Amino acid sequence: MKHLSGLDATFLHTETPETPMHVGGLHLLELPADYKGDYYEDVQAHIASRMHLSEIFTRKLALMPFELSNPVWVEDEDVDLDYHVRRVTLPRPGTLRQLEQYVGRLHSTLMDRSRPLWEFYVIDGLQGGKVAMYSKVHHAGIDGQAGSAFAQAIMDLEPHPEPVKAPRQKARRNNRYQLGVAELAGAALSNTLQQYMKLVKTFPDMARAVQSLIVPQPRSEGTSLWQQPKNLNLLGPRTPLNVAITNQRAYAVRSIPLAEVKQAGKKLGASLNDVVMGICAGALRRYLADHGKLPKKPMTAAIPVTLRAPGDTSSNNQVSMTVMTLATDVADPIERIARIRESSTAAKNLMGNIKAAIPTDFPSFGAPWLMSGLASMYGRSRLADRLPPVANVVISNVPGAQAALYFAGAKLLTYYPVSIPAHGMALNMTVQSYNGSLDFGLIACRRAVPDVDVIADYLLVEHREILARVKALEPAQAADAAKPAPQSQPVEVVAVAKPKARKTPARKAAPAKAAAPRKTPARRGAAAAATR
């Protein structure tokens, strides 16, 4: 068995019918030109040959007695591929909008916790003869970075790779469906003690993090004592996005060339993520302005931040969250990106100070029923309709492969993410970079944002606006670059010669040291040169 960390289990305990806690992806696939087989059958065979490469495929939950502690992962020795890999055929004409709507419905349903928490859907009937694959995996076992590692287990860099070596046969556990009560209770007690020990060990890091927040830090322009930007409010303004949500989902996807966004960032002195945030902010600004709901105060975004060490590909969650401004009160897109860049820098500085002190595992005795009860009460009471939001929207940018990938012999054309909206943040905007493209996936509560495709269209409009503004700035930037760099006027250093003796009586001659009076220009020039 393998214990879930406190953070992993949080995604289980806070899950309700209105807020399913699984993430996924939508891929458009191009089959080989001469393909004559059954792609669904090929996908099943492909997954069957790769299941041993990732524990996500074969592990399932074992609940603790009376749910007094977090569940554990145990191995499922009888995975039903007919259940986990399914076939869907879209009705004619098989448009992208139909595909988006169907994926929204698939993403709204809870997963069966008695089975391994993953599902794949092979979708055919699309226009142009393409196929699609929608996948969903519970967030309790995977975050954005772990998802990239999971994809590497099933994706290839060529359509016909070398066969994967078969796994070694394991001894079966006498066909036990679940572990015994005594075994689970003992494991829960042991794990709780270990969690307390881990928490105690993090106290020094926590103390240093608190000190870094309390002790005055050097201020940079636009930042306060705690290195937060001046234009970032502690709470976001109320918008139609900040309401209690239902389990129904609306989904939309769009793609933007990665090179264009990088080029814009380079011209503006901003990062790729800053420009992505600016595009999202502009789209939200346009959408809310259409409905007369654009707030006067700047909207804020909750941004996931990875805590994962480089090279760590473990299938768990190592992520935290920070809040940044979207500067939606600024009409000019270039100025808006500058404000976002300022906020991003401050947020990175803050996270750098406290990152090591953020725990991902913490004591869990009594957590399942307590957290589940609070999550259910929060949703049913509709407090999100009345409380000011901590952030208005979730925006996440996940780096991905920059080479073409293949799945069961078909080429991946897109890598659209599908993520999680929540009470108080009815819209999640996640972008994944893949093979020269930025693929946006927007998932929202259908009641709060029924026209999420309009926001998706505004992403493209805002991107074109930023490119046009950057192009308009180029002549001015080129003119500035062509100007000679201002140079300081050279200071002529004049040697002070010893004055010649006048033909006067010796008794009236001035001493040599008095020959350089303080008012002479030469002496002032020499002093300035020495100072410089």
Protein backbone atom coordinates (compact mmCIF):
# COMPACT_ATOMS: atom_id res chain seq x y z
CA MET A 1 0.00 0.00 0.00
CA LYS A 2 1.03 3.62 -0.48
CA HIS A 3 -0.30 6.46 1.64
CA LEU A 4 -1.81 9.54 0.08
CA SER A 5 -0.24 12.76 1.27
CA GLY A 6 -2.37 15.35 2.99
CA LEU A 7 -2.47 17.42 -0.19
CA ASP A 8 -3.38 14.43 -2.39
CA ALA A 9 -6.22 13.46 -0.08
CA THR A 10 -7.57 17.02 0.01
CA PHE A 11 -8.73 16.58 -3.58
CA LEU A 12 -10.76 13.57 -2.46
CA HIS A 13 -12.21 15.13 0.69
CA THR A 14 -13.29 18.38 -0.99
CA GLU A 15 -14.91 16.61 -3.94
CA THR A 16 -18.69 16.97 -4.20
CA PRO A 17 -21.16 16.21 -7.01
CA GLU A 18 -20.92 19.89 -8.02
CA THR A 19 -17.12 19.97 -7.94
CA PRO A 20 -15.58 16.80 -9.44
CA MET A 21 -11.83 16.84 -8.81
CA HIS A 22 -10.43 15.22 -11.93
CA VAL A 23 -8.29 16.76 -14.65
CA GLY A 24 -7.85 15.67 -18.24
CA GLY A 25 -6.92 16.43 -21.79
CA LEU A 26 -8.48 16.52 -25.24
CA HIS A 27 -6.35 15.50 -28.21
CA LEU A 28 -7.20 15.71 -31.88
CA LEU A 29 -5.45 12.84 -33.67
CA GLU A 30 -4.48 12.27 -37.28
CA LEU A 31 -4.47 8.66 -38.41
CA PRO A 32 -1.99 7.44 -41.06
CA ALA A 33 -3.16 8.01 -44.61
CA ASP A 34 -3.38 4.29 -45.35
CA TYR A 35 -4.96 3.30 -42.01
CA LYS A 36 -7.58 0.54 -42.30
CA GLY A 37 -7.85 -0.80 -38.76
CA ASP A 38 -10.09 -0.19 -35.73
CA TYR A 39 -8.43 2.59 -33.77
CA TYR A 40 -10.40 1.85 -30.58
CA GLU A 41 -9.02 -1.68 -30.54
CA ASP A 42 -5.54 -0.32 -31.19
CA VAL A 43 -5.84 2.05 -28.21
CA GLN A 44 -6.92 -0.76 -25.89
CA ALA A 45 -3.96 -2.89 -27.00
CA HIS A 46 -1.61 0.09 -26.66
CA ILE A 47 -2.73 0.84 -23.10
CA ALA A 48 -2.55 -2.84 -22.14
CA SER A 49 1.09 -2.91 -23.21
CA ARG A 50 1.98 0.27 -21.26
CA MET A 51 0.09 -0.18 -17.98
CA HIS A 52 3.19 -1.24 -16.08
CA LEU A 53 4.96 2.02 -16.97
CA SER A 54 2.77 4.13 -14.68
CA GLU A 55 1.23 3.20 -11.36
CA ILE A 56 -1.76 5.39 -12.15
CA PHE A 57 -3.17 2.62 -14.35
CA THR A 58 -3.32 -0.05 -11.68
CA ARG A 59 -3.72 1.62 -8.28
CA LYS A 60 -7.05 2.21 -6.57
CA LEU A 61 -8.23 3.55 -3.22
CA ALA A 62 -8.64 1.59 -0.02
CA LEU A 63 -10.67 3.57 2.51
CA MET A 64 -9.80 3.66 6.20
CA PRO A 65 -12.26 2.33 8.82
CA PHE A 66 -14.85 5.00 9.68
CA GLU A 67 -12.85 7.35 7.39
CA LEU A 68 -10.76 8.46 10.36
CA SER A 69 -7.69 8.97 8.20
CA ASN A 70 -6.69 9.38 4.58
CA PRO A 71 -7.14 6.35 2.30
CA VAL A 72 -4.21 4.48 0.79
CA TRP A 73 -3.36 3.37 -2.72
CA VAL A 74 -3.42 -0.39 -3.32
CA GLU A 75 -2.81 -2.32 -6.51
CA ASP A 76 -5.78 -3.52 -8.54
CA GLU A 77 -4.90 -6.90 -10.03
CA ASP A 78 -7.91 -7.05 -12.32
CA VAL A 79 -8.22 -3.80 -14.30
CA ASP A 80 -11.19 -3.86 -16.69
CA LEU A 81 -9.97 -2.18 -19.87
CA ASP A 82 -13.44 -2.30 -21.43
CA TYR A 83 -14.57 0.01 -18.63
CA HIS A 84 -11.56 2.33 -18.63
CA VAL A 85 -11.18 2.67 -22.43
CA ARG A 86 -14.46 3.56 -24.12
CA ARG A 87 -15.70 4.38 -27.62
CA VAL A 88 -17.88 7.39 -28.53
CA THR A 89 -19.20 8.36 -31.97
CA LEU A 90 -20.32 11.94 -32.54
CA PRO A 91 -23.49 12.54 -34.57
CA ARG A 92 -23.17 14.30 -37.90
CA PRO A 93 -21.65 16.67 -38.85
CA GLY A 94 -19.04 16.07 -36.10
CA THR A 95 -17.91 19.67 -35.56
CA LEU A 96 -15.39 20.92 -33.04
CA ARG A 97 -18.21 22.63 -31.14
CA GLN A 98 -20.03 19.31 -30.81
CA LEU A 99 -16.82 17.76 -29.51
CA GLU A 100 -16.39 20.56 -26.96
CA GLN A 101 -19.95 20.13 -25.70
CA TYR A 102 -19.60 16.37 -25.35
CA VAL A 103 -16.31 16.65 -23.47
CA GLY A 104 -17.98 19.16 -21.13
CA ARG A 105 -20.63 16.58 -20.30
CA LEU A 106 -18.09 13.79 -19.82
CA HIS A 107 -16.04 15.98 -17.51
CA SER A 108 -19.02 16.73 -15.24
CA THR A 109 -19.47 13.17 -13.91
CA LEU A 110 -17.75 11.76 -10.82
CA MET A 111 -15.36 8.85 -11.16
CA ASP A 112 -15.94 5.41 -9.65
CA ARG A 113 -13.69 5.27 -6.56
CA SER A 114 -13.82 1.48 -6.43
CA ARG A 115 -11.69 1.35 -9.60
CA PRO A 116 -8.40 2.93 -10.68
CA LEU A 117 -9.14 6.62 -11.15
CA TRP A 118 -8.61 7.07 -14.88
CA GLU A 119 -10.75 6.90 -18.03
CA PHE A 120 -9.97 7.24 -21.76
CA TYR A 121 -12.54 7.97 -24.47
CA VAL A 122 -11.82 7.35 -28.16
CA ILE A 123 -14.13 9.68 -30.12
CA ASP A 124 -14.76 9.25 -33.84
CA GLY A 125 -17.23 10.74 -36.30
CA LEU A 126 -15.37 14.06 -36.55
CA GLN A 127 -15.23 16.11 -39.71
CA GLY A 128 -12.22 15.45 -41.91
CA GLY A 129 -11.81 11.86 -40.77
CA LYS A 130 -9.90 12.75 -37.61
CA VAL A 131 -10.38 11.07 -34.27
CA ALA A 132 -10.12 12.52 -30.76
CA MET A 133 -9.16 11.18 -27.39
CA TYR A 134 -10.43 12.60 -24.12
CA SER A 135 -8.76 11.45 -20.91
CA LYS A 136 -9.50 12.15 -17.27
CA VAL A 137 -7.49 11.27 -14.17
CA HIS A 138 -8.34 12.16 -10.59
CA HIS A 139 -6.35 15.08 -9.19
CA ALA A 140 -5.69 13.07 -6.02
CA GLY A 141 -2.96 11.22 -7.88
CA ILE A 142 -1.57 13.74 -10.34
CA ASP A 143 -0.75 17.42 -10.84
CA GLY A 144 0.34 19.30 -13.96
CA GLN A 145 3.98 18.24 -13.90
CA ALA A 146 3.12 14.65 -12.96
CA GLY A 147 0.63 14.64 -15.82
CA SER A 148 3.42 15.40 -18.27
CA ALA A 149 5.37 12.42 -16.93
CA PHE A 150 2.24 10.25 -17.20
CA ALA A 151 1.86 11.27 -20.84
CA GLN A 152 5.42 10.14 -21.56
CA ALA A 153 4.44 6.61 -20.53
CA ILE A 154 1.80 6.35 -23.25
CA MET A 155 3.07 8.76 -25.93
CA ASP A 156 5.83 8.16 -28.46
CA LEU A 157 8.11 10.30 -30.60
CA GLU A 158 7.44 8.20 -33.70
CA PRO A 159 4.39 6.41 -35.08
CA HIS A 160 5.93 2.94 -34.89
CA PRO A 161 8.24 2.75 -31.87
CA GLU A 162 10.06 -0.31 -30.62
CA PRO A 163 7.81 -2.65 -28.59
CA VAL A 164 7.81 -1.97 -24.86
CA LYS A 165 9.37 -4.70 -22.76
CA ALA A 166 6.73 -6.74 -20.96
CA PRO A 167 6.62 -6.45 -17.14
CA ARG A 168 7.73 -9.18 -14.80
CA GLN A 169 4.97 -11.32 -13.36
CA LYS A 170 4.02 -10.44 -9.77
CA ALA A 171 2.73 -12.73 -7.09
CA ARG A 172 -1.01 -12.27 -6.56
CA ARG A 173 -2.43 -11.29 -3.18
CA ASN A 174 -4.84 -14.24 -2.95
CA ASN A 175 -7.45 -12.24 -4.88
CA ARG A 176 -8.22 -10.01 -1.91
CA TYR A 177 -10.44 -7.16 -3.06
CA GLN A 178 -9.60 -4.89 -0.11
CA LEU A 179 -7.22 -4.93 2.82
CA GLY A 180 -8.30 -6.02 6.29
CA VAL A 181 -9.61 -3.58 8.91
CA ALA A 182 -6.75 -4.23 11.32
CA GLU A 183 -4.17 -3.78 8.59
CA LEU A 184 -5.68 -0.49 7.50
CA ALA A 185 -6.03 0.84 11.06
CA GLY A 186 -2.41 0.04 11.83
CA ALA A 187 -1.27 1.73 8.65
CA ALA A 188 -3.35 4.82 9.47
CA LEU A 189 -1.80 5.14 12.93
CA SER A 190 1.73 4.68 11.63
CA ASN A 191 1.22 7.19 8.82
CA THR A 192 -0.28 9.80 11.17
CA LEU A 193 2.78 9.60 13.43
CA GLN A 194 5.06 10.02 10.42
CA GLN A 195 3.05 13.04 9.27
CA TYR A 196 3.50 14.72 12.66
CA MET A 197 7.24 14.07 12.47
CA LYS A 198 7.40 15.60 8.98
CA LEU A 199 5.51 18.64 10.22
CA VAL A 200 7.91 19.13 13.13
CA LYS A 201 10.87 18.95 10.77
CA THR A 202 9.44 21.75 8.65
CA PHE A 203 9.14 24.16 11.61
CA PRO A 204 12.58 25.79 11.02
CA ASP A 205 11.69 26.44 7.36
CA MET A 206 8.30 27.82 8.40
CA ALA A 207 9.94 30.13 10.94
CA ARG A 208 12.35 31.47 8.31
CA ALA A 209 9.46 31.99 5.89
CA VAL A 210 7.44 33.92 8.48
CA GLN A 211 10.50 35.99 9.31
CA SER A 212 11.02 36.86 5.66
CA LEU A 213 7.46 38.18 5.55
CA ILE A 214 7.68 40.17 8.78
CA VAL A 215 11.18 41.60 8.60
CA PRO A 216 11.32 44.59 6.24
CA GLN A 217 12.72 43.71 2.84
CA PRO A 218 14.32 46.04 0.27
CA ARG A 219 11.51 47.54 -1.74
CA SER A 220 11.46 47.71 -5.49
CA GLU A 221 9.29 50.06 -7.49
CA GLY A 222 5.62 49.17 -7.18
CA THR A 223 6.06 46.73 -4.27
CA SER A 224 5.23 47.02 -0.62
CA LEU A 225 6.88 45.70 2.52
CA TRP A 226 5.81 42.12 1.76
CA GLN A 227 6.88 42.36 -1.88
CA GLN A 228 3.29 42.37 -3.13
CA PRO A 229 2.41 44.79 -5.94
CA LYS A 230 0.50 47.90 -4.95
CA ASN A 231 -2.23 47.25 -7.51
CA LEU A 232 -3.08 43.79 -6.05
CA ASN A 233 -6.01 43.77 -3.63
CA LEU A 234 -6.21 41.12 -0.95
CA LEU A 235 -9.60 40.09 -2.31
CA GLY A 236 -10.85 40.22 -5.87
CA PRO A 237 -13.91 42.24 -6.98
CA ARG A 238 -17.23 40.50 -7.41
CA THR A 239 -18.02 39.37 -10.96
CA PRO A 240 -20.51 36.93 -12.54
CA LEU A 241 -17.71 34.32 -12.41
CA ASN A 242 -17.62 34.29 -8.62
CA VAL A 243 -20.66 32.23 -7.65
CA ALA A 244 -21.55 28.80 -6.35
CA ILE A 245 -21.48 26.33 -9.23
CA THR A 246 -23.39 23.28 -10.43
CA ASN A 247 -21.96 20.03 -11.83
CA GLN A 248 -22.77 20.99 -15.44
CA ARG A 249 -19.81 22.08 -17.55
CA ALA A 250 -19.20 24.21 -20.63
CA TYR A 251 -15.93 23.71 -22.46
CA ALA A 252 -14.10 25.50 -25.27
CA VAL A 253 -10.66 25.23 -26.86
CA ARG A 254 -8.45 27.50 -28.95
CA SER A 255 -4.83 27.49 -30.19
CA ILE A 256 -2.30 30.32 -30.60
CA PRO A 257 1.16 30.04 -32.23
CA LEU A 258 3.79 29.80 -29.49
CA ALA A 259 6.43 31.67 -31.50
CA GLU A 260 4.20 34.75 -31.82
CA VAL A 261 3.63 34.93 -28.07
CA LYS A 262 7.33 34.48 -27.37
CA GLN A 263 8.20 37.22 -29.85
CA ALA A 264 5.69 39.59 -28.26
CA GLY A 265 7.15 38.88 -24.83
CA LYS A 266 10.66 39.54 -26.09
CA LYS A 267 9.64 42.89 -27.58
CA LEU A 268 7.87 43.91 -24.37
CA GLY A 269 10.53 42.65 -21.98
CA ALA A 270 8.01 40.22 -20.49
CA SER A 271 7.97 36.47 -19.98
CA LEU A 272 5.85 34.01 -21.96
CA ASN A 273 3.62 33.56 -18.92
CA ASP A 274 3.15 37.34 -18.57
CA VAL A 275 1.88 37.57 -22.15
CA VAL A 276 -0.41 34.54 -21.66
CA MET A 277 -1.85 36.22 -18.58
CA GLY A 278 -2.30 39.42 -20.57
CA ILE A 279 -4.19 37.55 -23.30
CA CYS A 280 -6.49 35.92 -20.73
CA ALA A 281 -7.03 39.23 -18.94
CA GLY A 282 -7.93 40.99 -22.18
CA ALA A 283 -10.41 38.27 -23.11
CA LEU A 284 -12.10 38.48 -19.71
CA ARG A 285 -12.20 42.26 -19.91
CA ARG A 286 -13.95 42.15 -23.29
CA TYR A 287 -16.41 39.46 -22.17
CA LEU A 288 -17.45 41.24 -18.96
CA ALA A 289 -17.66 44.60 -20.75
CA ASP A 290 -20.12 43.05 -23.22
CA HIS A 291 -22.38 42.20 -20.28
CA GLY A 292 -21.85 45.51 -18.49
CA LYS A 293 -20.18 43.65 -15.60
CA LEU A 294 -16.55 44.78 -15.87
CA PRO A 295 -15.47 45.73 -12.32
CA LYS A 296 -13.68 49.00 -11.64
CA LYS A 297 -11.10 47.22 -9.51
CA PRO A 298 -8.61 44.91 -11.23
CA MET A 299 -9.53 41.25 -11.30
CA THR A 300 -7.17 38.69 -9.80
CA ALA A 301 -6.13 35.18 -10.83
CA ALA A 302 -5.22 32.15 -8.76
CA ILE A 303 -2.04 30.69 -10.25
CA PRO A 304 -0.84 27.14 -9.44
CA VAL A 305 2.85 27.04 -8.51
CA THR A 306 4.80 23.80 -8.62
CA LEU A 307 6.84 22.74 -5.59
CA ARG A 308 8.31 19.78 -7.45
CA ALA A 309 12.07 19.35 -7.57
CA PRO A 310 13.62 19.09 -11.06
CA GLY A 311 13.46 15.52 -12.35
CA ASP A 312 10.77 14.43 -9.87
CA THR A 313 8.14 12.48 -11.83
CA SER A 314 6.29 10.87 -8.92
CA SER A 315 2.53 10.49 -9.36
CA ASN A 316 1.30 12.82 -6.64
CA ASN A 317 0.63 16.50 -5.98
CA GLN A 318 3.39 18.97 -5.21
CA VAL A 319 1.73 22.26 -5.93
CA SER A 320 0.70 25.45 -4.19
CA MET A 321 -1.19 28.57 -5.23
CA THR A 322 -0.42 32.26 -5.52
CA VAL A 323 -2.58 35.24 -6.51
CA MET A 324 -1.72 37.82 -9.16
CA THR A 325 -3.43 40.84 -10.62
CA LEU A 326 -4.92 40.72 -14.12
CA ALA A 327 -4.97 44.53 -14.40
CA THR A 328 -8.38 44.42 -16.08
CA ASP A 329 -8.88 48.06 -15.08
CA VAL A 330 -6.25 49.00 -17.70
CA ALA A 331 -7.55 49.42 -21.26
CA ASP A 332 -4.19 49.42 -22.99
CA PRO A 333 -2.95 45.81 -23.51
CA ILE A 334 0.74 46.80 -23.42
CA GLU A 335 0.38 48.66 -20.15
CA ARG A 336 -1.71 45.78 -18.80
CA ILE A 337 1.08 43.30 -19.51
CA ALA A 338 3.55 45.63 -17.78
CA ARG A 339 1.36 45.65 -14.67
CA ILE A 340 1.02 41.87 -14.83
CA ARG A 341 4.79 41.51 -15.16
CA GLU A 342 5.26 43.64 -12.05
CA SER A 343 2.76 41.52 -10.13
CA SER A 344 4.33 38.30 -11.40
CA THR A 345 7.79 39.37 -10.24
CA ALA A 346 6.50 40.22 -6.80
CA ALA A 347 4.61 36.92 -6.54
CA LYS A 348 7.73 34.97 -7.56
CA ASN A 349 9.79 36.78 -4.94
CA LEU A 350 7.22 35.97 -2.29
CA MET A 351 6.95 32.30 -3.29
CA GLY A 352 10.73 32.05 -3.36
CA ASN A 353 10.81 33.05 0.31
CA ILE A 354 8.13 30.64 1.50
CA LYS A 355 8.26 27.79 -1.03
CA ALA A 356 10.41 25.51 1.13
CA ALA A 357 8.07 25.94 4.09
CA ILE A 358 4.82 24.95 2.32
CA PRO A 359 3.87 21.44 3.50
CA THR A 360 2.36 18.93 1.08
CA ASP A 361 1.84 16.29 3.77
CA PHE A 362 0.22 16.99 7.11
CA PRO A 363 -1.61 15.04 9.85
CA SER A 364 -4.89 13.65 8.58
CA PHE A 365 -6.64 12.05 11.57
CA GLY A 366 -10.31 12.94 11.24
CA ALA A 367 -9.68 14.91 8.05
CA PRO A 368 -11.92 12.89 5.68
CA TRP A 369 -15.23 13.48 7.41
CA LEU A 370 -14.33 16.98 8.61
CA MET A 371 -13.15 18.32 5.25
CA SER A 372 -15.93 16.55 3.34
CA GLY A 373 -18.54 18.04 5.66
CA LEU A 374 -17.13 21.55 5.32
CA ALA A 375 -16.92 21.27 1.53
CA SER A 376 -20.51 20.07 1.28
CA MET A 377 -21.77 22.79 3.63
CA TYR A 378 -19.90 25.51 1.71
CA GLY A 379 -21.49 24.45 -1.57
CA ARG A 380 -25.05 23.98 -0.28
CA SER A 381 -25.06 27.24 1.69
CA ARG A 382 -24.06 29.13 -1.47
CA LEU A 383 -21.64 31.26 0.52
CA ALA A 384 -19.67 31.82 -2.68
CA ASP A 385 -22.55 34.00 -3.91
CA ARG A 386 -22.06 36.39 -0.98
CA LEU A 387 -18.43 36.27 0.10
CA PRO A 388 -15.80 38.35 -1.72
CA PRO A 389 -13.63 36.07 -3.85
CA VAL A 390 -10.01 35.40 -2.99
CA ALA A 391 -9.43 35.30 -6.76
CA ASN A 392 -11.76 35.72 -9.72
CA VAL A 393 -10.46 32.97 -12.01
CA VAL A 394 -7.93 30.13 -12.11
CA ILE A 395 -5.25 30.45 -14.80
CA SER A 396 -2.57 27.80 -15.27
CA ASN A 397 0.25 27.51 -17.80
CA VAL A 398 1.75 24.03 -18.15
CA PRO A 399 4.91 23.52 -20.26
CA GLY A 400 4.76 20.58 -22.63
CA ALA A 401 6.68 18.74 -25.33
CA GLN A 402 7.92 20.80 -28.28
CA ALA A 403 8.05 17.88 -30.69
CA ALA A 404 5.29 15.92 -32.40
CA LEU A 405 3.94 13.04 -30.27
CA TYR A 406 2.13 9.88 -31.34
CA PHE A 407 -0.48 7.83 -29.52
CA ALA A 408 -1.17 4.28 -30.66
CA GLY A 409 0.21 5.15 -34.10
CA ALA A 410 -1.79 8.38 -34.57
CA LYS A 411 -0.20 11.84 -34.54
CA LEU A 412 -1.28 14.28 -31.83
CA LEU A 413 -2.38 17.54 -33.39
CA THR A 414 -3.50 19.28 -30.19
CA TYR A 415 -3.01 19.06 -26.42
CA TYR A 416 -6.01 20.88 -24.97
CA PRO A 417 -6.18 20.69 -21.15
CA VAL A 418 -9.41 20.12 -19.20
CA SER A 419 -9.25 21.27 -15.59
CA ILE A 420 -11.40 22.15 -12.55
CA PRO A 421 -13.72 25.09 -11.82
CA ALA A 422 -14.73 25.57 -8.19
CA HIS A 423 -17.22 27.36 -5.97
CA GLY A 424 -16.37 31.05 -6.17
CA MET A 425 -14.28 30.58 -9.35
CA ALA A 426 -16.63 29.27 -12.01
CA LEU A 427 -14.03 29.49 -14.79
CA ASN A 428 -10.70 27.75 -15.18
CA MET A 429 -8.37 28.79 -18.03
CA THR A 430 -5.51 26.34 -18.54
CA VAL A 431 -2.97 26.44 -21.35
CA GLN A 432 -0.55 23.72 -22.42
CA SER A 433 2.33 24.35 -24.79
CA TYR A 434 2.81 21.63 -27.38
CA ASN A 435 4.82 21.39 -30.62
CA GLY A 436 4.93 25.11 -31.37
CA SER A 437 1.42 25.90 -30.16
CA LEU A 438 -0.28 27.23 -27.05
CA ASP A 439 -3.42 25.13 -26.59
CA PHE A 440 -6.05 26.78 -24.36
CA GLY A 441 -8.74 24.77 -22.58
CA LEU A 442 -11.52 26.76 -20.88
CA ILE A 443 -13.82 24.83 -18.53
CA ALA A 444 -16.65 26.56 -16.67
CA CYS A 445 -19.91 26.04 -14.85
CA ARG A 446 -22.49 26.02 -17.65
CA ARG A 447 -25.00 28.00 -15.62
CA ALA A 448 -22.52 30.76 -14.70
CA VAL A 449 -20.73 30.92 -18.08
CA PRO A 450 -22.93 29.29 -20.73
CA ASP A 451 -21.10 31.11 -23.55
CA VAL A 452 -17.55 30.15 -22.63
CA ASP A 453 -16.81 29.85 -26.34
CA VAL A 454 -17.15 33.66 -26.57
CA ILE A 455 -14.32 34.07 -24.07
CA ALA A 456 -12.32 31.57 -26.11
CA ASP A 457 -12.89 33.65 -29.26
CA TYR A 458 -11.77 36.76 -27.39
CA LEU A 459 -8.45 35.04 -26.63
CA LEU A 460 -7.70 35.14 -30.37
CA VAL A 461 -8.93 38.72 -30.67
CA GLU A 462 -6.75 39.87 -27.79
CA HIS A 463 -3.74 38.01 -29.15
CA ARG A 464 -4.09 39.80 -32.50
CA GLU A 465 -4.48 43.13 -30.71
CA ILE A 466 -1.27 42.59 -28.75
CA LEU A 467 0.61 41.65 -31.92
CA ALA A 468 -0.67 44.77 -33.67
CA ARG A 469 0.34 46.99 -30.76
CA VAL A 470 3.79 45.41 -30.58
CA LYS A 471 4.25 45.93 -34.32
CA ALA A 472 3.24 49.57 -33.95
CA LEU A 473 5.89 50.00 -31.27
CA GLU A 474 8.68 48.65 -33.48
CA PRO A 475 9.41 51.89 -35.44
CA ALA A 476 9.73 53.83 -32.21
CA GLN A 477 11.92 51.15 -30.69
CA ALA A 478 14.07 51.03 -33.83
CA ALA A 479 14.44 54.82 -33.79
CA ASP A 480 15.49 54.72 -30.14
CA ALA A 481 18.01 52.00 -30.93
CA ALA A 482 19.43 53.99 -33.84
CA LYS A 483 20.10 57.04 -31.70
CA PRO A 484 23.67 57.31 -30.46
CA ALA A 485 23.97 56.45 -26.84
CA PRO A 486 24.20 59.58 -24.72
CA GLN A 487 27.72 60.14 -23.52
CA SER A 488 28.86 62.29 -20.69
CA GLN A 489 30.96 65.30 -21.63
CA PRO A 490 34.64 64.51 -21.20
CA VAL A 491 36.23 66.40 -18.39
CA GLU A 492 39.50 67.90 -19.46
CA VAL A 493 42.14 67.39 -16.85
CA VAL A 494 44.48 70.37 -16.94
CA ALA A 495 47.85 69.94 -15.43
CA VAL A 496 48.57 72.70 -13.01
CA ALA A 497 52.02 74.04 -13.73
CA LYS A 498 54.06 75.63 -11.12
CA PRO A 499 53.70 79.37 -11.68
CA LYS A 500 56.72 81.22 -12.96
CA ALA A 501 58.39 83.52 -10.56
CA ARG A 502 57.64 87.12 -11.23
CA LYS A 503 60.36 89.69 -11.38
CA THR A 504 59.48 91.13 -8.06
CA PRO A 505 61.47 91.41 -4.99
CA ALA A 506 61.99 88.10 -3.33
CA ARG A 507 60.18 89.16 -0.22
CA LYS A 508 56.96 89.66 -2.22
CA ALA A 509 57.01 86.34 -4.09
CA ALA A 510 54.10 84.00 -3.23
CA PRO A 511 54.88 80.52 -1.83
CA ALA A 512 54.70 77.65 -4.33
CA LYS A 513 51.78 76.02 -2.53
CA ALA A 514 49.72 79.14 -2.97
CA ALA A 515 50.22 79.15 -6.73
CA ALA A 516 47.02 77.13 -7.31
CA PRO A 517 44.24 79.35 -6.04
CA ARG A 518 40.87 77.50 -5.42
CA LYS A 519 39.01 79.63 -7.94
CA THR A 520 40.94 78.62 -11.05
CA PRO A 521 38.98 76.60 -13.67
CA ALA A 522 41.83 74.12 -14.05
CA ARG A 523 41.70 73.14 -10.40
CA ARG A 524 37.90 72.70 -10.54
CA GLY A 525 38.24 70.38 -13.57
CA ALA A 526 40.90 68.30 -11.84
CA ALA A 527 38.75 67.95 -8.74
CA ALA A 528 35.72 66.85 -10.80
CA ALA A 529 37.81 64.29 -12.61
CA ALA A 530 39.12 62.91 -9.35
CA THR A 531 35.61 62.65 -7.97
CA ARG A 532 34.42 60.74 -11.01
